[in-house]
């Protein structure tokens, strides 16, 4: 199951080299580990990232610029399913994937930018990850369900499925 999802991620998010330059320019002026995180992702593909490091530093997601967020997103979706609810990944990733009630708030603008810039296959992969996480971990499903209900459940109806 996780292997099938990883293949879907690979189709949706090609393994291209991450350009880490400016990774924290948009939102990360106060992120204390910006230089270290940038050096960890620079020149690697999402498949080559140190999973232990990025799981431990999932707080970086809140500070990354949109280009770099999209570049590392498949690694975090993969970790969401592989590590489950007791890792630090869901705590940061799931709120980031939840559409805020106001599109005019800074979080709303960020979500809008992210969701518009993801390709259709990438949006489907996010939706699949959220659904699988909710199904696999019903006791911890509420944040994933909230994300799905806020936006991602509309993907299937808008895109006509896969």
Protein backbone atom coordinates (compact mmCIF):
# COMPACT_ATOMS: atom_id res chain seq x y z
CA UNK A 1 0.00 0.00 0.00
CA UNK A 2 2.69 2.50 0.96
CA UNK A 3 4.73 1.33 -2.05
CA UNK A 4 1.78 1.97 -4.38
CA UNK A 5 1.34 5.42 -2.91
CA UNK A 6 5.06 6.15 -3.30
CA UNK A 7 4.74 5.24 -6.99
CA UNK A 8 1.79 7.65 -7.27
CA UNK A 9 3.90 10.33 -5.61
CA UNK A 10 6.68 9.67 -8.10
CA UNK A 11 4.30 10.13 -11.01
CA UNK A 12 2.81 13.31 -9.55
CA UNK A 13 6.04 14.84 -8.24
CA UNK A 14 8.96 14.13 -10.58
CA UNK A 15 12.25 13.68 -8.76
CA UNK A 16 13.86 16.93 -9.83
CA UNK A 17 16.74 18.61 -8.05
CA UNK A 18 15.61 21.04 -5.35
CA UNK A 19 16.85 24.60 -5.67
CA UNK A 20 17.11 25.68 -2.04
CA UNK A 21 18.18 29.24 -2.80
CA UNK A 22 15.70 31.57 -1.14
CA UNK A 23 13.87 28.70 0.54
CA UNK A 24 12.98 30.92 3.49
CA UNK A 25 12.82 34.33 1.78
CA UNK A 26 9.01 34.56 1.64
CA UNK A 27 8.14 33.49 5.20
CA UNK A 28 11.19 32.28 7.03
CA UNK A 29 13.01 35.32 8.26
CA UNK A 30 12.63 34.11 11.83
CA UNK A 31 13.24 30.40 11.25
CA UNK A 32 16.35 29.66 13.34
CA UNK A 33 17.54 26.65 11.35
CA UNK A 34 17.02 28.04 7.85
CA UNK A 35 20.65 27.66 6.74
CA UNK A 36 20.91 24.09 8.01
CA UNK A 37 17.59 23.08 6.42
CA UNK A 38 18.55 24.69 3.11
CA UNK A 39 21.82 22.75 3.10
CA UNK A 40 19.92 19.52 3.80
CA UNK A 41 17.63 19.93 0.78
CA UNK A 42 19.89 21.74 -1.71
CA UNK A 43 20.71 19.79 -4.84
CA UNK A 44 18.73 16.71 -3.81
CA UNK A 45 15.47 15.28 -5.09
CA UNK A 46 12.61 14.62 -2.69
CA UNK A 47 13.54 10.94 -2.83
CA UNK A 48 17.09 11.68 -1.67
CA UNK A 49 16.20 13.75 1.39
CA UNK A 50 17.26 12.48 4.80
CA UNK A 51 13.89 11.28 6.07
CA UNK A 52 14.89 11.33 9.72
CA UNK A 53 16.11 14.90 9.46
CA UNK A 54 13.12 16.29 7.58
CA UNK A 55 10.66 14.48 9.85
CA UNK A 56 12.38 15.98 12.87
CA UNK A 57 12.40 19.43 11.21
CA UNK A 58 8.84 19.38 9.91
CA UNK A 59 8.42 22.77 11.60
CA UNK A 60 10.28 24.19 8.58
CA UNK A 61 7.15 23.65 6.46
CA UNK A 62 5.55 26.69 8.06
CA UNK A 63 8.41 28.91 6.92
CA UNK A 64 9.32 27.57 3.47
CA UNK A 65 8.71 29.57 0.33
CA UNK A 66 6.07 28.03 -1.95
CA UNK A 67 8.52 26.65 -4.55
CA UNK A 68 10.49 24.77 -1.92
CA UNK A 69 7.35 23.68 -0.10
CA UNK A 70 6.10 22.05 -3.30
CA UNK A 71 9.53 20.49 -3.85
CA UNK A 72 9.59 18.78 -0.42
CA UNK A 73 5.84 18.12 -0.11
CA UNK A 74 6.00 14.58 -1.57
CA UNK A 75 8.64 13.60 1.00
CA UNK A 76 6.37 14.79 3.80
CA UNK A 77 3.30 13.07 2.33
CA UNK A 78 5.35 9.87 2.15
CA UNK A 79 6.45 10.32 5.78
CA UNK A 80 2.89 11.06 6.89
CA UNK A 81 1.90 7.55 5.83
CA UNK A 82 5.14 5.78 6.68
CA UNK A 83 5.57 7.19 10.20
CA UNK A 84 1.94 7.68 11.16
CA UNK A 85 0.33 9.97 13.70
CA UNK A 86 2.94 9.79 16.44
CA UNK A 87 5.68 11.45 14.40
CA UNK A 88 6.04 15.25 14.27
CA UNK A 89 4.94 15.35 10.62
CA UNK A 90 1.11 15.44 11.00
CA UNK A 91 1.24 18.25 13.54
CA UNK A 92 2.72 20.65 10.98
CA UNK A 93 1.67 19.16 7.65
CA UNK A 94 -2.05 18.68 8.24
CA UNK A 95 -2.81 22.27 9.32
CA UNK A 96 -0.79 23.51 6.34
CA UNK A 97 -3.03 21.42 4.06
CA UNK A 98 -6.21 22.74 5.65
CA UNK A 99 -7.85 25.67 3.87
CA UNK A 100 -8.38 28.51 6.35
CA UNK A 101 -11.83 30.04 6.69
CA UNK A 102 -10.58 33.34 5.27
CA UNK A 103 -8.83 33.37 1.92
CA UNK A 104 -7.66 36.92 2.72
CA UNK A 105 -5.65 35.93 5.80
CA UNK A 106 -1.94 35.29 5.34
CA UNK A 107 -2.58 31.57 5.88
CA UNK A 108 -5.44 31.71 3.39
CA UNK A 109 -3.29 33.43 0.77
CA UNK A 110 -0.55 30.88 1.32
CA UNK A 111 -2.98 27.98 0.99
CA UNK A 112 -4.42 29.52 -2.18
CA UNK A 113 -0.97 29.95 -3.67
CA UNK A 114 -0.03 26.36 -2.84
CA UNK A 115 -3.26 24.81 -4.10
CA UNK A 116 -3.20 26.82 -7.36
CA UNK A 117 0.41 25.93 -8.11
CA UNK A 118 0.03 22.20 -7.56
CA UNK A 119 -0.71 20.27 -10.74
CA UNK A 120 -3.83 18.13 -10.97
CA UNK A 121 -1.87 14.89 -10.33
CA UNK A 122 -0.19 16.55 -7.34
CA UNK A 123 -3.56 17.62 -5.90
CA UNK A 124 -4.79 14.05 -6.35
CA UNK A 125 -1.73 12.73 -4.52
CA UNK A 126 -2.35 15.09 -1.60
CA UNK A 127 -5.99 14.01 -1.48
CA UNK A 128 -5.01 10.33 -1.56
CA UNK A 129 -2.49 10.80 1.26
CA UNK A 130 -5.02 12.57 3.46
CA UNK A 131 -7.66 9.90 2.83
CA UNK A 132 -5.25 7.07 3.48
CA UNK A 133 -3.96 8.67 6.69
CA UNK A 134 -7.55 9.13 7.94
CA UNK A 135 -8.47 5.54 7.05
CA UNK A 136 -5.32 4.02 8.54
CA UNK A 137 -5.45 6.03 11.78
CA UNK A 138 -9.10 6.62 12.71
CA UNK A 139 -8.23 7.75 16.25
CA UNK A 140 -6.08 10.52 14.76
CA UNK A 141 -8.13 11.20 11.62
CA UNK A 142 -9.82 14.45 12.63
CA UNK A 143 -7.13 16.87 11.34
CA UNK A 144 -6.89 14.99 8.04
CA UNK A 145 -10.69 14.95 7.74
CA UNK A 146 -10.77 18.70 8.40
CA UNK A 147 -8.22 19.23 5.60
CA UNK A 148 -10.22 17.02 3.24
CA UNK A 149 -13.48 18.80 4.01
CA UNK A 150 -11.89 22.25 3.71
CA UNK A 151 -10.71 21.73 0.13
CA UNK A 152 -9.29 18.41 -1.00
CA UNK A 153 -12.58 16.47 -1.27
CA UNK A 154 -13.50 18.82 -4.13
CA UNK A 155 -10.55 17.61 -6.21
CA UNK A 156 -12.18 14.39 -7.42
CA UNK A 157 -15.37 16.14 -8.53
CA UNK A 158 -13.53 19.01 -10.25
CA UNK A 159 -10.91 16.91 -12.00
CA UNK A 160 -13.15 14.06 -13.01
CA UNK A 161 -11.02 11.55 -11.12
CA UNK A 162 -7.72 10.15 -12.27
